[in-house]
Amino acid sequence: MSNPPPLPEKSIPVTSQATGKLGDCWSCRVLSGGGLLASGGYVGMQAQKVMRLGGPASMGTVVQMMFAAGLAAWGLVVIFDPVGKKTRIA
C-alpha cells in the first residue's frame, strides 16, 4: 500500500449558515440583530419590573434575566458577524 502525496494547502474562508443567508446585507444584519437586542431589553425590563415592585428575586426571575442577556448577546453576534471574517487553512 502506498500513501498518496499530500494535497497543497489552500486558504478557504470559513462560512456559517447565518453568513450564507445574511451575507453582506448590512441592513438585514442590523434589522435582525436590532430586533434581538430590543427583545432582550424588553424581557430584561419585565424581569426587573417584578423586583422593583418589591417582589423577591425568584429562580424564575433569574432565568428570565439570563434569557434576556442571551438574546442581547445573540443580537450582537448577528450584527457584528465575527465568524464570517475568519479564514482557515485546509
C-alpha atoms as a PDB file:
ATOM      1  CA  MET A   1       0.000   0.000   0.000  1.00  0.00           C
ATOM      2  CA  SER A   2       1.361   3.349  -0.992  1.00  0.00           C
ATOM      3  CA  ASN A   3       0.401   6.637   0.569  1.00  0.00           C
ATOM      4  CA  PRO A   4      -0.767   9.378  -1.801  1.00  0.00           C
ATOM      5  CA  PRO A   5       1.178  12.644  -1.765  1.00  0.00           C
ATOM      6  CA  PRO A   6      -0.231  15.372   0.485  1.00  0.00           C
ATOM      7  CA  LEU A   7      -2.504  17.937  -1.088  1.00  0.00           C
ATOM      8  CA  PRO A   8      -1.339  21.556  -1.308  1.00  0.00           C
ATOM      9  CA  GLU A   9      -2.725  23.874   1.359  1.00  0.00           C
ATOM     10  CA  LYS A  10      -5.382  26.347   0.273  1.00  0.00           C
ATOM     11  CA  SER A  11      -6.917  29.226   2.161  1.00  0.00           C
ATOM     12  CA  ILE A  12     -10.646  28.574   2.446  1.00  0.00           C
ATOM     13  CA  PRO A  13     -12.937  31.165   4.060  1.00  0.00           C
ATOM     14  CA  VAL A  14     -14.984  29.786   6.923  1.00  0.00           C
ATOM     15  CA  THR A  15     -18.663  30.367   6.324  1.00  0.00           C
ATOM     16  CA  SER A  16     -21.515  29.767   8.675  1.00  0.00           C
ATOM     17  CA  GLN A  17     -25.095  29.164   7.732  1.00  0.00           C
ATOM     18  CA  ALA A  18     -26.091  32.567   9.099  1.00  0.00           C
ATOM     19  CA  THR A  19     -23.433  34.247   6.968  1.00  0.00           C
ATOM     20  CA  GLY A  20     -24.733  32.420   3.926  1.00  0.00           C
ATOM     21  CA  LYS A  21     -28.261  33.686   4.495  1.00  0.00           C
ATOM     22  CA  LEU A  22     -27.443  37.237   5.567  1.00  0.00           C
ATOM     23  CA  GLY A  23     -24.185  37.520   3.645  1.00  0.00           C
ATOM     24  CA  ASP A  24     -23.055  41.078   3.163  1.00  0.00           C
ATOM     25  CA  CYS A  25     -26.536  42.527   3.591  1.00  0.00           C
ATOM     26  CA  TRP A  26     -25.729  45.083   6.279  1.00  0.00           C
ATOM     27  CA  SER A  27     -29.324  46.268   6.627  1.00  0.00           C
ATOM     28  CA  CYS A  28     -30.530  42.679   7.146  1.00  0.00           C
ATOM     29  CA  ARG A  29     -27.998  42.109   9.911  1.00  0.00           C
ATOM     30  CA  VAL A  30     -28.780  45.412  11.624  1.00  0.00           C
ATOM     31  CA  LEU A  31     -32.541  44.837  11.426  1.00  0.00           C
ATOM     32  CA  SER A  32     -32.487  41.276  12.764  1.00  0.00           C
ATOM     33  CA  GLY A  33     -29.760  41.973  15.331  1.00  0.00           C
ATOM     34  CA  GLY A  34     -31.574  45.101  16.481  1.00  0.00           C
ATOM     35  CA  GLY A  35     -34.768  43.102  16.888  1.00  0.00           C
ATOM     36  CA  LEU A  36     -32.941  40.571  19.055  1.00  0.00           C
ATOM     37  CA  LEU A  37     -31.385  43.356  21.120  1.00  0.00           C
ATOM     38  CA  ALA A  38     -34.768  45.019  21.588  1.00  0.00           C
ATOM     39  CA  SER A  39     -36.423  41.752  22.597  1.00  0.00           C
ATOM     40  CA  GLY A  40     -33.631  41.083  25.091  1.00  0.00           C
ATOM     41  CA  GLY A  41     -34.150  44.551  26.536  1.00  0.00           C
ATOM     42  CA  TYR A  42     -37.895  44.009  26.813  1.00  0.00           C
ATOM     43  CA  VAL A  43     -37.535  40.652  28.558  1.00  0.00           C
ATOM     44  CA  GLY A  44     -34.923  42.111  30.921  1.00  0.00           C
ATOM     45  CA  MET A  45     -37.121  45.094  31.799  1.00  0.00           C
ATOM     46  CA  GLN A  46     -40.055  42.808  32.567  1.00  0.00           C
ATOM     47  CA  ALA A  47     -37.864  40.816  34.941  1.00  0.00           C
ATOM     48  CA  GLN A  48     -36.655  43.999  36.638  1.00  0.00           C
ATOM     49  CA  LYS A  49     -40.217  45.264  36.970  1.00  0.00           C
ATOM     50  CA  VAL A  50     -41.050  42.384  39.313  1.00  0.00           C
ATOM     51  CA  MET A  51     -38.073  43.188  41.523  1.00  0.00           C
ATOM     52  CA  ARG A  52     -38.798  46.941  41.504  1.00  0.00           C
ATOM     53  CA  LEU A  53     -42.295  46.311  42.842  1.00  0.00           C
ATOM     54  CA  GLY A  54     -40.762  44.648  45.885  1.00  0.00           C
ATOM     55  CA  GLY A  55     -41.106  41.024  44.821  1.00  0.00           C
ATOM     56  CA  PRO A  56     -38.395  38.566  45.732  1.00  0.00           C
ATOM     57  CA  ALA A  57     -35.840  37.531  43.129  1.00  0.00           C
ATOM     58  CA  SER A  58     -37.051  34.001  42.496  1.00  0.00           C
ATOM     59  CA  MET A  59     -35.354  31.405  40.338  1.00  0.00           C
ATOM     60  CA  GLY A  60     -37.756  32.232  37.503  1.00  0.00           C
ATOM     61  CA  THR A  61     -36.719  35.891  37.564  1.00  0.00           C
ATOM     62  CA  VAL A  62     -33.043  34.928  37.442  1.00  0.00           C
ATOM     63  CA  VAL A  63     -33.661  32.605  34.480  1.00  0.00           C
ATOM     64  CA  GLN A  64     -35.632  35.351  32.742  1.00  0.00           C
ATOM     65  CA  MET A  65     -32.724  37.783  33.142  1.00  0.00           C
ATOM     66  CA  MET A  66     -30.267  35.176  31.860  1.00  0.00           C
ATOM     67  CA  PHE A  67     -32.508  34.596  28.834  1.00  0.00           C
ATOM     68  CA  ALA A  68     -32.593  38.354  28.205  1.00  0.00           C
ATOM     69  CA  ALA A  69     -28.790  38.503  28.317  1.00  0.00           C
ATOM     70  CA  GLY A  70     -28.623  35.597  25.863  1.00  0.00           C
ATOM     71  CA  LEU A  71     -30.965  37.344  23.435  1.00  0.00           C
ATOM     72  CA  ALA A  72     -28.914  40.531  23.616  1.00  0.00           C
ATOM     73  CA  ALA A  73     -25.656  38.628  23.050  1.00  0.00           C
ATOM     74  CA  TRP A  74     -27.187  36.807  20.074  1.00  0.00           C
ATOM     75  CA  GLY A  75     -28.212  40.166  18.623  1.00  0.00           C
ATOM     76  CA  LEU A  76     -24.655  41.486  18.914  1.00  0.00           C
ATOM     77  CA  VAL A  77     -23.282  38.361  17.238  1.00  0.00           C
ATOM     78  CA  VAL A  78     -25.702  38.771  14.340  1.00  0.00           C
ATOM     79  CA  ILE A  79     -24.802  42.437  13.887  1.00  0.00           C
ATOM     80  CA  PHE A  80     -21.008  42.123  14.110  1.00  0.00           C
ATOM     81  CA  ASP A  81     -20.726  38.623  12.496  1.00  0.00           C
ATOM     82  CA  PRO A  82     -17.372  37.517  13.997  1.00  0.00           C
ATOM     83  CA  VAL A  83     -17.441  34.074  12.328  1.00  0.00           C
ATOM     84  CA  GLY A  84     -17.735  35.340   8.752  1.00  0.00           C
ATOM     85  CA  LYS A  85     -14.443  37.245   8.998  1.00  0.00           C
ATOM     86  CA  LYS A  86     -12.257  34.213   9.764  1.00  0.00           C
ATOM     87  CA  THR A  87     -10.248  32.139   7.284  1.00  0.00           C
ATOM     88  CA  ARG A  88      -8.941  28.640   7.791  1.00  0.00           C
ATOM     89  CA  ILE A  89      -6.214  26.649   6.123  1.00  0.00           C
ATOM     90  CA  ALA A  90      -7.317  23.284   4.797  1.00  0.00           C
END
